[in-house]
Amino acid sequence: MLTKTKKARAIKKTQVHKTDTGSPEAQVSVLTKKIAELATHLKTHKKDRHSRKGLLQMVADRRKHLKYLHKKNAKRYNALVKTLGLKKKK
């Protein structure tokens, strides 16, 4: 479970302006944190199929946001990928 402080920290790291919560950068940042936490949960609870489905949906959602950002502004995409430590799209 992502706490409010962890979520705020993730958004603050990538926000475009002071009150930003809906930009692709902020959304990808929050999704990345959620994915990391859920992945650690699934390492200990291997048979939790419902959480695994949720994880796959989050990964797909993050991929869509990254694809959108890459199409609209490649500079912002590259900066976000570098900040979060994700693999670049080829």
N, C-alpha and C. Protein backbone atom coordinates (compact mmCIF):
# COMPACT_ATOMS: atom_id res chain seq x y z
N MET A 1 0.84 -1.18 0.00
CA MET A 1 0.00 0.00 0.00
C MET A 1 0.89 1.24 0.00
N LEU A 2 0.61 2.14 -0.89
CA LEU A 2 1.37 3.37 -1.01
C LEU A 2 0.79 4.42 -0.07
N THR A 3 1.60 4.89 0.88
CA THR A 3 1.12 5.89 1.83
C THR A 3 1.09 7.28 1.18
N LYS A 4 0.42 8.20 1.84
CA LYS A 4 0.31 9.56 1.31
C LYS A 4 1.68 10.23 1.19
N THR A 5 2.54 9.99 2.17
CA THR A 5 3.85 10.63 2.13
C THR A 5 4.71 10.07 1.01
N LYS A 6 4.66 8.76 0.79
CA LYS A 6 5.43 8.16 -0.31
C LYS A 6 4.92 8.65 -1.65
N LYS A 7 3.60 8.76 -1.77
CA LYS A 7 3.00 9.24 -3.01
C LYS A 7 3.39 10.70 -3.27
N ALA A 8 3.33 11.52 -2.22
CA ALA A 8 3.70 12.93 -2.35
C ALA A 8 5.16 13.08 -2.73
N ARG A 9 6.03 12.25 -2.13
CA ARG A 9 7.45 12.29 -2.46
C ARG A 9 7.70 11.91 -3.91
N ALA A 10 6.98 10.90 -4.39
CA ALA A 10 7.13 10.45 -5.78
C ALA A 10 6.67 11.54 -6.75
N ILE A 11 5.56 12.19 -6.43
CA ILE A 11 5.06 13.26 -7.30
C ILE A 11 6.01 14.45 -7.28
N LYS A 12 6.49 14.81 -6.10
CA LYS A 12 7.37 15.99 -5.96
C LYS A 12 8.65 15.82 -6.78
N LYS A 13 9.11 14.58 -6.90
CA LYS A 13 10.35 14.32 -7.63
C LYS A 13 10.23 14.59 -9.13
N THR A 14 9.02 14.44 -9.68
CA THR A 14 8.85 14.55 -11.13
C THR A 14 7.81 15.57 -11.58
N GLN A 15 7.24 16.34 -10.67
CA GLN A 15 6.16 17.24 -11.05
C GLN A 15 6.65 18.36 -11.98
N VAL A 16 5.75 18.81 -12.83
CA VAL A 16 6.07 19.84 -13.81
C VAL A 16 5.94 21.23 -13.19
N HIS A 17 4.92 21.43 -12.35
CA HIS A 17 4.75 22.69 -11.62
C HIS A 17 4.32 22.37 -10.20
N LYS A 18 4.14 23.38 -9.38
CA LYS A 18 3.96 23.19 -7.94
C LYS A 18 2.72 22.36 -7.57
N THR A 19 1.62 22.55 -8.25
CA THR A 19 0.39 21.84 -7.89
C THR A 19 0.10 20.68 -8.84
N ASP A 20 1.09 20.18 -9.50
CA ASP A 20 0.94 19.13 -10.50
C ASP A 20 0.69 17.76 -9.86
N THR A 21 -0.40 17.11 -10.26
CA THR A 21 -0.65 15.73 -9.85
C THR A 21 -1.12 14.87 -11.02
N GLY A 22 -1.46 15.50 -12.15
CA GLY A 22 -2.05 14.75 -13.25
C GLY A 22 -1.21 14.65 -14.50
N SER A 23 -0.03 15.23 -14.51
CA SER A 23 0.81 15.14 -15.69
C SER A 23 1.28 13.70 -15.87
N PRO A 24 1.66 13.32 -17.08
CA PRO A 24 2.13 11.95 -17.30
C PRO A 24 3.34 11.61 -16.43
N GLU A 25 4.21 12.59 -16.18
CA GLU A 25 5.39 12.35 -15.35
C GLU A 25 4.98 11.96 -13.92
N ALA A 26 4.04 12.70 -13.36
CA ALA A 26 3.60 12.42 -11.99
C ALA A 26 2.88 11.07 -11.92
N GLN A 27 2.06 10.78 -12.91
CA GLN A 27 1.33 9.52 -12.91
C GLN A 27 2.26 8.33 -13.06
N VAL A 28 3.25 8.44 -13.93
CA VAL A 28 4.21 7.36 -14.12
C VAL A 28 5.03 7.16 -12.85
N SER A 29 5.39 8.25 -12.19
CA SER A 29 6.16 8.16 -10.95
C SER A 29 5.39 7.40 -9.87
N VAL A 30 4.12 7.72 -9.71
CA VAL A 30 3.28 7.04 -8.71
C VAL A 30 3.09 5.57 -9.08
N LEU A 31 2.84 5.31 -10.35
CA LEU A 31 2.68 3.93 -10.78
C LEU A 31 3.96 3.12 -10.56
N THR A 32 5.10 3.73 -10.78
CA THR A 32 6.37 3.04 -10.57
C THR A 32 6.54 2.65 -9.11
N LYS A 33 6.19 3.56 -8.21
CA LYS A 33 6.26 3.25 -6.77
C LYS A 33 5.31 2.11 -6.41
N LYS A 34 4.08 2.17 -6.93
CA LYS A 34 3.10 1.13 -6.64
C LYS A 34 3.56 -0.22 -7.17
N ILE A 35 4.13 -0.22 -8.37
CA ILE A 35 4.61 -1.45 -8.99
C ILE A 35 5.73 -2.05 -8.16
N ALA A 36 6.63 -1.22 -7.69
CA ALA A 36 7.75 -1.72 -6.88
C ALA A 36 7.26 -2.35 -5.58
N GLU A 37 6.31 -1.70 -4.93
CA GLU A 37 5.79 -2.24 -3.67
C GLU A 37 5.02 -3.54 -3.89
N LEU A 38 4.24 -3.59 -4.96
CA LEU A 38 3.47 -4.79 -5.24
C LEU A 38 4.39 -5.94 -5.66
N ALA A 39 5.46 -5.64 -6.34
CA ALA A 39 6.42 -6.67 -6.74
C ALA A 39 7.07 -7.31 -5.52
N THR A 40 7.40 -6.50 -4.51
CA THR A 40 7.98 -7.08 -3.29
C THR A 40 6.95 -7.92 -2.55
N HIS A 41 5.69 -7.51 -2.58
CA HIS A 41 4.62 -8.30 -1.96
C HIS A 41 4.50 -9.66 -2.64
N LEU A 42 4.59 -9.65 -3.97
CA LEU A 42 4.40 -10.89 -4.72
C LEU A 42 5.59 -11.84 -4.59
N LYS A 43 6.74 -11.32 -4.20
CA LYS A 43 7.89 -12.21 -3.97
C LYS A 43 7.64 -13.12 -2.77
N THR A 44 6.94 -12.62 -1.76
CA THR A 44 6.66 -13.43 -0.59
C THR A 44 5.34 -14.19 -0.70
N HIS A 45 4.38 -13.65 -1.45
CA HIS A 45 3.07 -14.28 -1.61
C HIS A 45 2.91 -14.70 -3.07
N LYS A 46 3.55 -15.78 -3.43
CA LYS A 46 3.61 -16.21 -4.83
C LYS A 46 2.26 -16.61 -5.42
N LYS A 47 1.32 -17.04 -4.61
CA LYS A 47 0.03 -17.52 -5.13
C LYS A 47 -1.07 -16.45 -5.13
N ASP A 48 -0.72 -15.22 -4.89
CA ASP A 48 -1.70 -14.13 -4.85
C ASP A 48 -2.01 -13.69 -6.29
N ARG A 49 -2.95 -14.37 -6.90
CA ARG A 49 -3.27 -14.13 -8.32
C ARG A 49 -3.97 -12.79 -8.55
N HIS A 50 -4.79 -12.37 -7.63
CA HIS A 50 -5.51 -11.10 -7.80
C HIS A 50 -4.56 -9.92 -7.80
N SER A 51 -3.59 -9.95 -6.92
CA SER A 51 -2.60 -8.87 -6.88
C SER A 51 -1.73 -8.90 -8.12
N ARG A 52 -1.43 -10.10 -8.61
CA ARG A 52 -0.62 -10.22 -9.83
C ARG A 52 -1.34 -9.59 -11.01
N LYS A 53 -2.66 -9.80 -11.09
CA LYS A 53 -3.44 -9.20 -12.17
C LYS A 53 -3.41 -7.67 -12.06
N GLY A 54 -3.54 -7.16 -10.84
CA GLY A 54 -3.46 -5.72 -10.63
C GLY A 54 -2.10 -5.17 -11.02
N LEU A 55 -1.05 -5.93 -10.72
CA LEU A 55 0.30 -5.50 -11.09
C LEU A 55 0.43 -5.41 -12.60
N LEU A 56 -0.07 -6.40 -13.30
CA LEU A 56 0.01 -6.39 -14.77
C LEU A 56 -0.78 -5.23 -15.35
N GLN A 57 -1.91 -4.89 -14.75
CA GLN A 57 -2.70 -3.75 -15.22
C GLN A 57 -1.96 -2.44 -14.99
N MET A 58 -1.27 -2.33 -13.85
CA MET A 58 -0.49 -1.12 -13.57
C MET A 58 0.67 -0.98 -14.53
N VAL A 59 1.33 -2.08 -14.85
CA VAL A 59 2.45 -2.05 -15.79
C VAL A 59 1.96 -1.61 -17.16
N ALA A 60 0.81 -2.13 -17.59
CA ALA A 60 0.24 -1.75 -18.88
C ALA A 60 -0.14 -0.27 -18.88
N ASP A 61 -0.71 0.22 -17.79
CA ASP A 61 -1.10 1.62 -17.68
C ASP A 61 0.14 2.52 -17.73
N ARG A 62 1.20 2.13 -17.02
CA ARG A 62 2.44 2.91 -17.04
C ARG A 62 3.03 2.94 -18.44
N ARG A 63 2.97 1.80 -19.14
CA ARG A 63 3.49 1.73 -20.51
C ARG A 63 2.72 2.68 -21.43
N LYS A 64 1.40 2.75 -21.25
CA LYS A 64 0.58 3.66 -22.06
C LYS A 64 0.95 5.11 -21.80
N HIS A 65 1.13 5.46 -20.53
CA HIS A 65 1.51 6.84 -20.20
C HIS A 65 2.88 7.18 -20.79
N LEU A 66 3.82 6.25 -20.70
CA LEU A 66 5.15 6.49 -21.26
C LEU A 66 5.10 6.61 -22.78
N LYS A 67 4.29 5.80 -23.42
CA LYS A 67 4.15 5.87 -24.88
C LYS A 67 3.57 7.22 -25.30
N TYR A 68 2.56 7.69 -24.55
CA TYR A 68 1.96 8.99 -24.83
C TYR A 68 3.00 10.10 -24.68
N LEU A 69 3.76 10.06 -23.59
CA LEU A 69 4.75 11.10 -23.34
C LEU A 69 5.85 11.07 -24.39
N HIS A 70 6.26 9.87 -24.81
CA HIS A 70 7.30 9.75 -25.84
C HIS A 70 6.82 10.35 -27.16
N LYS A 71 5.53 10.14 -27.46
CA LYS A 71 4.97 10.66 -28.70
C LYS A 71 4.83 12.18 -28.66
N LYS A 72 4.42 12.74 -27.50
CA LYS A 72 4.17 14.17 -27.39
C LYS A 72 5.44 15.00 -27.17
N ASN A 73 6.35 14.48 -26.32
CA ASN A 73 7.53 15.27 -25.99
C ASN A 73 8.67 14.33 -25.59
N ALA A 74 9.55 14.04 -26.53
CA ALA A 74 10.63 13.07 -26.32
C ALA A 74 11.63 13.56 -25.27
N LYS A 75 11.82 14.87 -25.17
CA LYS A 75 12.76 15.42 -24.19
C LYS A 75 12.30 15.13 -22.76
N ARG A 76 11.01 15.38 -22.49
CA ARG A 76 10.45 15.10 -21.17
C ARG A 76 10.45 13.60 -20.88
N TYR A 77 10.20 12.80 -21.92
CA TYR A 77 10.23 11.35 -21.76
C TYR A 77 11.62 10.88 -21.34
N ASN A 78 12.63 11.34 -22.04
CA ASN A 78 14.01 10.94 -21.71
C ASN A 78 14.40 11.38 -20.30
N ALA A 79 14.00 12.57 -19.90
CA ALA A 79 14.31 13.05 -18.56
C ALA A 79 13.62 12.19 -17.50
N LEU A 80 12.37 11.81 -17.75
CA LEU A 80 11.62 10.98 -16.80
C LEU A 80 12.22 9.58 -16.68
N VAL A 81 12.58 9.00 -17.81
CA VAL A 81 13.16 7.66 -17.80
C VAL A 81 14.48 7.67 -17.03
N LYS A 82 15.26 8.72 -17.23
CA LYS A 82 16.54 8.84 -16.52
C LYS A 82 16.31 9.03 -15.02
N THR A 83 15.33 9.85 -14.64
CA THR A 83 15.03 10.11 -13.23
C THR A 83 14.56 8.85 -12.51
N LEU A 84 13.69 8.09 -13.16
CA LEU A 84 13.10 6.91 -12.51
C LEU A 84 13.93 5.65 -12.70
N GLY A 85 14.90 5.69 -13.61
CA GLY A 85 15.74 4.52 -13.84
C GLY A 85 15.04 3.42 -14.61
N LEU A 86 14.19 3.79 -15.55
CA LEU A 86 13.48 2.82 -16.38
C LEU A 86 14.24 2.60 -17.69
N LYS A 87 13.87 1.55 -18.40
CA LYS A 87 14.49 1.28 -19.70
C LYS A 87 13.88 2.20 -20.74
N LYS A 88 14.71 2.65 -21.69
CA LYS A 88 14.22 3.52 -22.74
C LYS A 88 13.53 2.71 -23.83
N LYS A 89 12.59 3.37 -24.49
CA LYS A 89 11.90 2.79 -25.62
C LYS A 89 12.80 2.90 -26.84
N LYS A 90 12.83 1.86 -27.64
CA LYS A 90 13.69 1.88 -28.84
C LYS A 90 12.96 2.41 -30.02
